[in-house]
Amino acid sequence: MIKIKKFVAVIILFIAITIFPSKVFSLNANEEGHQYKESTVIKYKKVYADNLNVRNGPGLDYEKIGVLKENQKVQVLFKVSNWYKIKFKDGYGWCREDYLSQSIMGTIEHKEKDIKNDSKSNKVIESKHCIAIKTITNTMAYYQDGVLIKQFDVATGKQSTPTPKGKFKIVNKIVNRPYYKDNIPGGDPRNPLGKRWLGLKVGDTDGTTYGIHGNSNENSIGKSVSGGCIRMHNDEISWLFDQVPKETVVVISEEDKSFKEILKSYNISVN
């Protein structure tokens, strides 16, 4: 009787494996034991680095198994720390969060839910963190919970490449971002972006065109000399980088008004 029960159990397991393999096994031999639940939500992100390394684990010490090109679309499976497990044309791997765009695709029913959740969370962030910049005086103010925490001197865009005006949001935070234009690696003293980058969503850009960042020339701070970005002293951008989360609102104005008045014109109240 026991032998018959064991035989029946083996037959049932074989049928389950044959008919429902995705329920039993991970997606791929490269999945390293991870199991995935089926979901109606499929999220994709775009690469915004010239060449983004794909690794076989969530860390720089893992082996490189592929390279993604700029604007290439990848499916995001899940996240560990600041690394995403992705599915791309060559299989599965891991990429740094900093070099992938915001989610760009999903199912309709979940999009509506995500929009509602994002709207609610964004309002919480907006009420807690806010940055205002005046290009006419090259100054910037950081507010937390409606209270002025710190004011800074900054550099803004020159006349031919002005800093964009309006209300924007920080959509990425990057440590030691490379300066691709002149092929200068991140962290290099010659890098005009300094060691910290807070990317702004301006128009159709994805946080890689305009940003608040450090500098390679401290004497430029307080002047209108940049290509459109906002430069800060390196020690001050390092401090600010640790304070503000993604989705923090940044208001940029050329009006000669108080920071409080400028923010009020965008329905943001501060003390």
Protein backbone atom coordinates (compact mmCIF):
# COMPACT_ATOMS: atom_id res chain seq x y z
CA MET A 1 0.00 0.00 0.00
CA ILE A 2 2.85 2.38 0.89
CA LYS A 3 4.57 1.65 -2.43
CA ILE A 4 1.34 2.45 -4.30
CA LYS A 5 1.00 5.81 -2.48
CA LYS A 6 4.62 6.73 -3.31
CA PHE A 7 4.05 5.78 -6.95
CA VAL A 8 0.91 7.94 -7.12
CA ALA A 9 2.77 10.88 -5.52
CA VAL A 10 5.56 10.63 -8.10
CA ILE A 11 3.02 10.55 -10.94
CA ILE A 12 1.24 13.65 -9.56
CA LEU A 13 4.54 15.53 -9.21
CA PHE A 14 5.53 14.59 -12.77
CA ILE A 15 2.21 15.88 -14.12
CA ALA A 16 2.55 19.13 -12.15
CA ILE A 17 6.07 19.72 -13.50
CA THR A 18 4.98 18.96 -17.05
CA ILE A 19 1.86 21.13 -17.07
CA PHE A 20 2.91 23.97 -14.74
CA PRO A 21 6.71 24.31 -15.01
CA SER A 22 6.69 28.05 -14.31
CA LYS A 23 4.99 27.40 -10.95
CA VAL A 24 7.70 25.00 -9.81
CA PHE A 25 10.99 26.23 -11.24
CA SER A 26 12.68 29.59 -11.49
CA LEU A 27 12.70 31.31 -14.85
CA ASN A 28 16.17 30.32 -15.92
CA ALA A 29 19.25 28.39 -14.84
CA ASN A 30 20.84 31.78 -14.23
CA GLU A 31 18.18 32.66 -11.65
CA GLU A 32 20.34 31.48 -8.74
CA GLY A 33 17.48 29.82 -6.90
CA HIS A 34 15.02 32.74 -7.06
CA GLN A 35 11.39 31.81 -7.63
CA TYR A 36 8.93 34.24 -9.17
CA LYS A 37 5.18 34.51 -8.74
CA GLU A 38 3.18 35.22 -11.86
CA SER A 39 2.03 38.82 -12.02
CA THR A 40 -0.13 40.89 -14.34
CA VAL A 41 2.29 43.80 -13.89
CA ILE A 42 5.24 43.96 -16.27
CA LYS A 43 7.60 46.86 -15.66
CA TYR A 44 10.23 48.07 -18.08
CA LYS A 45 13.01 50.59 -17.75
CA LYS A 46 15.34 52.27 -20.23
CA VAL A 47 19.11 52.46 -19.99
CA TYR A 48 20.57 55.97 -19.90
CA ALA A 49 24.28 55.16 -19.81
CA ASP A 50 26.37 54.76 -22.96
CA ASN A 51 27.34 51.24 -21.90
CA LEU A 52 25.77 49.64 -18.82
CA ASN A 53 27.34 46.45 -17.51
CA VAL A 54 25.08 43.52 -16.66
CA ARG A 55 26.38 41.29 -13.84
CA ASN A 56 25.40 37.87 -12.55
CA GLY A 57 24.74 39.21 -9.06
CA PRO A 58 23.77 42.43 -7.22
CA GLY A 59 27.21 43.99 -6.79
CA LEU A 60 30.31 45.24 -8.59
CA ASP A 61 32.29 42.20 -7.46
CA TYR A 62 30.08 39.88 -9.53
CA GLU A 63 31.12 38.77 -13.01
CA LYS A 64 30.11 40.90 -15.99
CA ILE A 65 27.86 38.87 -18.30
CA GLY A 66 26.67 41.48 -20.77
CA VAL A 67 26.46 45.13 -21.80
CA LEU A 68 23.35 47.25 -22.41
CA LYS A 69 23.30 50.20 -24.80
CA GLU A 70 21.75 53.61 -24.16
CA ASN A 71 17.93 53.68 -24.49
CA GLN A 72 17.75 49.87 -24.56
CA LYS A 73 14.56 48.62 -22.86
CA VAL A 74 14.77 45.90 -20.21
CA GLN A 75 12.17 44.13 -18.10
CA VAL A 76 12.55 44.67 -14.35
CA LEU A 77 11.84 41.66 -12.13
CA PHE A 78 12.70 42.80 -8.61
CA LYS A 79 15.15 44.91 -6.62
CA VAL A 80 17.85 44.15 -4.04
CA SER A 81 19.37 47.23 -2.41
CA ASN A 82 20.23 49.53 -5.35
CA TRP A 83 20.42 46.72 -7.93
CA TYR A 84 17.66 45.47 -10.24
CA LYS A 85 17.24 41.91 -11.44
CA ILE A 86 16.42 42.28 -15.14
CA LYS A 87 15.43 40.27 -18.17
CA PHE A 88 17.09 41.34 -21.42
CA LYS A 89 17.73 39.85 -24.84
CA ASP A 90 20.66 37.69 -23.66
CA GLY A 91 18.96 36.31 -20.56
CA TYR A 92 18.87 37.49 -16.95
CA GLY A 93 21.23 39.64 -14.92
CA TRP A 94 21.66 42.55 -12.54
CA CYS A 95 22.04 46.30 -13.20
CA ARG A 96 22.61 49.35 -11.02
CA GLU A 97 19.44 51.31 -10.25
CA ASP A 98 21.18 54.64 -10.93
CA TYR A 99 21.46 54.00 -14.66
CA LEU A 100 17.89 52.90 -15.36
CA SER A 101 14.99 55.26 -16.03
CA GLN A 102 11.65 55.42 -14.23
CA SER A 103 9.20 52.60 -15.06
CA ILE A 104 7.77 53.16 -18.52
CA MET A 105 5.26 50.37 -18.98
CA GLY A 106 2.73 48.20 -17.15
CA THR A 107 -0.79 46.83 -17.40
CA ILE A 108 -3.71 49.29 -17.50
CA GLU A 109 -5.33 48.22 -14.24
CA HIS A 110 -2.07 48.52 -12.33
CA LYS A 111 -1.10 51.79 -14.00
CA GLU A 112 -4.18 53.45 -12.54
CA LYS A 113 -3.37 52.05 -9.11
CA ASP A 114 0.27 53.10 -9.38
CA ILE A 115 -0.72 56.63 -10.40
CA LYS A 116 -2.96 56.98 -7.34
CA ASN A 117 -0.28 55.61 -5.02
CA ASP A 118 2.42 57.80 -6.59
CA SER A 119 0.21 60.88 -6.29
CA LYS A 120 -0.33 60.22 -2.60
CA SER A 121 3.34 59.53 -1.86
CA ASN A 122 4.46 62.54 -3.92
CA LYS A 123 2.26 64.86 -1.87
CA VAL A 124 3.90 63.53 1.30
CA ILE A 125 7.39 64.15 -0.13
CA GLU A 126 6.39 67.60 -1.45
CA SER A 127 5.18 68.64 2.01
CA LYS A 128 8.35 67.35 3.65
CA HIS A 129 11.10 68.29 1.18
CA CYS A 130 11.29 71.24 -1.20
CA ILE A 131 14.02 73.18 -3.02
CA ALA A 132 13.71 76.69 -4.48
CA ILE A 133 16.28 78.30 -6.80
CA LYS A 134 16.55 81.94 -7.92
CA THR A 135 18.66 82.35 -11.05
CA ILE A 136 18.67 86.15 -10.73
CA THR A 137 20.68 85.91 -7.50
CA ASN A 138 22.21 82.45 -7.99
CA THR A 139 20.90 81.27 -4.65
CA MET A 140 19.06 78.18 -3.49
CA ALA A 141 16.98 77.28 -0.43
CA TYR A 142 16.18 73.88 1.03
CA TYR A 143 13.00 73.45 3.10
CA GLN A 144 11.95 70.53 5.24
CA ASP A 145 8.44 70.34 6.70
CA GLY A 146 7.91 73.94 5.55
CA VAL A 147 10.92 75.21 7.50
CA LEU A 148 14.00 76.76 5.87
CA ILE A 149 16.87 74.42 6.72
CA LYS A 150 19.71 75.86 4.67
CA GLN A 151 20.47 78.41 1.96
CA PHE A 152 23.23 78.08 -0.64
CA ASP A 153 25.10 80.03 -3.28
CA VAL A 154 24.95 78.22 -6.62
CA ALA A 155 25.96 78.63 -10.25
CA THR A 156 23.23 78.62 -12.92
CA GLY A 157 23.06 78.72 -16.71
CA LYS A 158 24.69 81.39 -18.80
CA GLN A 159 22.64 83.47 -21.24
CA SER A 160 23.18 81.13 -24.18
CA THR A 161 22.33 78.01 -22.12
CA PRO A 162 19.88 79.18 -19.44
CA THR A 163 18.67 77.06 -16.57
CA PRO A 164 15.06 75.93 -17.24
CA LYS A 165 12.38 77.66 -15.17
CA GLY A 166 9.39 75.99 -13.55
CA LYS A 167 8.49 73.20 -11.18
CA PHE A 168 10.41 69.95 -11.53
CA LYS A 169 11.19 66.81 -9.56
CA ILE A 170 14.35 64.93 -8.67
CA VAL A 171 14.10 61.59 -10.47
CA ASN A 172 17.53 60.10 -9.88
CA LYS A 173 20.46 60.36 -7.48
CA ILE A 174 23.87 59.35 -8.77
CA VAL A 175 27.21 59.12 -6.98
CA ASN A 176 30.27 59.81 -9.16
CA ARG A 177 28.44 60.15 -12.45
CA PRO A 178 30.79 60.00 -15.47
CA TYR A 179 31.02 63.06 -17.73
CA TYR A 180 30.34 61.30 -21.01
CA LYS A 181 30.90 64.33 -23.24
CA ASP A 182 34.65 64.40 -22.54
CA ASN A 183 34.93 60.77 -21.40
CA ILE A 184 35.89 61.73 -17.83
CA PRO A 185 35.17 58.99 -15.28
CA GLY A 186 33.08 59.56 -12.18
CA GLY A 187 35.06 60.69 -9.15
CA ASP A 188 37.83 62.21 -11.26
CA PRO A 189 38.82 65.70 -9.97
CA ARG A 190 38.48 66.99 -13.55
CA ASN A 191 34.83 65.92 -13.72
CA PRO A 192 32.70 69.11 -13.93
CA LEU A 193 29.76 67.26 -12.36
CA GLY A 194 31.60 66.73 -9.11
CA LYS A 195 30.80 63.63 -7.05
CA ARG A 196 27.03 63.96 -6.64
CA TRP A 197 24.18 64.36 -9.14
CA LEU A 198 20.48 65.05 -8.47
CA GLY A 199 18.76 64.62 -11.84
CA LEU A 200 15.72 66.74 -12.70
CA LYS A 201 12.82 65.64 -14.88
CA VAL A 202 12.58 68.57 -17.31
CA GLY A 203 10.20 68.13 -20.25
CA ASP A 204 10.97 64.90 -22.08
CA THR A 205 14.35 64.47 -20.39
CA ASP A 206 14.78 61.67 -17.87
CA GLY A 207 17.05 63.24 -15.28
CA THR A 208 20.28 62.97 -17.24
CA THR A 209 20.23 66.35 -19.02
CA TYR A 210 19.59 68.84 -16.21
CA GLY A 211 20.53 68.41 -12.60
CA ILE A 212 21.90 69.82 -9.37
CA HIS A 213 25.51 68.70 -9.04
CA GLY A 214 28.99 69.45 -7.77
CA ASN A 215 31.79 71.10 -9.73
CA SER A 216 35.44 71.02 -10.75
CA ASN A 217 35.87 74.77 -10.26
CA GLU A 218 34.74 76.14 -6.90
CA ASN A 219 35.26 79.71 -8.15
CA SER A 220 32.33 79.32 -10.55
CA ILE A 221 29.78 79.18 -7.72
CA GLY A 222 27.64 82.31 -7.47
CA LYS A 223 27.89 83.03 -11.20
CA SER A 224 25.76 82.41 -14.30
CA VAL A 225 28.23 80.21 -16.15
CA SER A 226 26.80 76.70 -16.50
CA GLY A 227 25.31 74.85 -19.44
CA GLY A 228 21.90 74.94 -17.75
CA CYS A 229 22.49 72.84 -14.65
CA ILE A 230 22.75 74.08 -11.08
CA ARG A 231 26.24 73.78 -9.60
CA MET A 232 26.95 73.68 -5.88
CA HIS A 233 30.03 73.63 -3.70
CA ASN A 234 31.11 70.00 -3.46
CA ASP A 235 30.75 69.74 0.31
CA GLU A 236 27.27 71.29 0.14
CA ILE A 237 25.92 69.03 -2.62
CA SER A 238 27.22 66.04 -0.65
CA TRP A 239 25.23 67.23 2.35
CA LEU A 240 22.08 67.95 0.31
CA PHE A 241 22.35 64.61 -1.51
CA ASP A 242 21.97 62.82 1.82
CA GLN A 243 18.91 64.88 2.81
CA VAL A 244 16.57 64.74 -0.17
CA PRO A 245 14.79 61.69 -1.63
CA LYS A 246 13.71 61.13 -5.20
CA GLU A 247 10.50 63.00 -6.14
CA THR A 248 11.62 66.06 -4.16
CA VAL A 249 10.12 69.17 -5.79
CA VAL A 250 12.52 71.76 -7.21
CA VAL A 251 11.14 75.17 -8.21
CA ILE A 252 13.39 77.37 -10.37
CA SER A 253 12.52 81.03 -10.96
CA GLU A 254 14.12 84.10 -12.49
CA GLU A 255 11.88 86.46 -10.52
CA ASP A 256 13.34 88.77 -7.91
CA LYS A 257 11.01 87.62 -5.14
CA SER A 258 11.47 85.86 -1.82
CA PHE A 259 11.72 82.07 -1.84
CA LYS A 260 8.44 81.96 0.07
CA GLU A 261 6.65 84.02 -2.59
CA ILE A 262 8.10 81.94 -5.41
CA LEU A 263 6.97 78.68 -3.81
CA LYS A 264 3.54 80.10 -3.03
CA SER A 265 3.01 80.78 -6.74
CA TYR A 266 3.27 76.99 -7.18
CA ASN A 267 0.86 76.30 -4.30
CA ILE A 268 3.65 75.26 -1.94
CA SER A 269 3.42 76.78 1.53
CA VAL A 270 6.50 77.34 3.68
CA ASN A 271 7.15 79.36 6.82
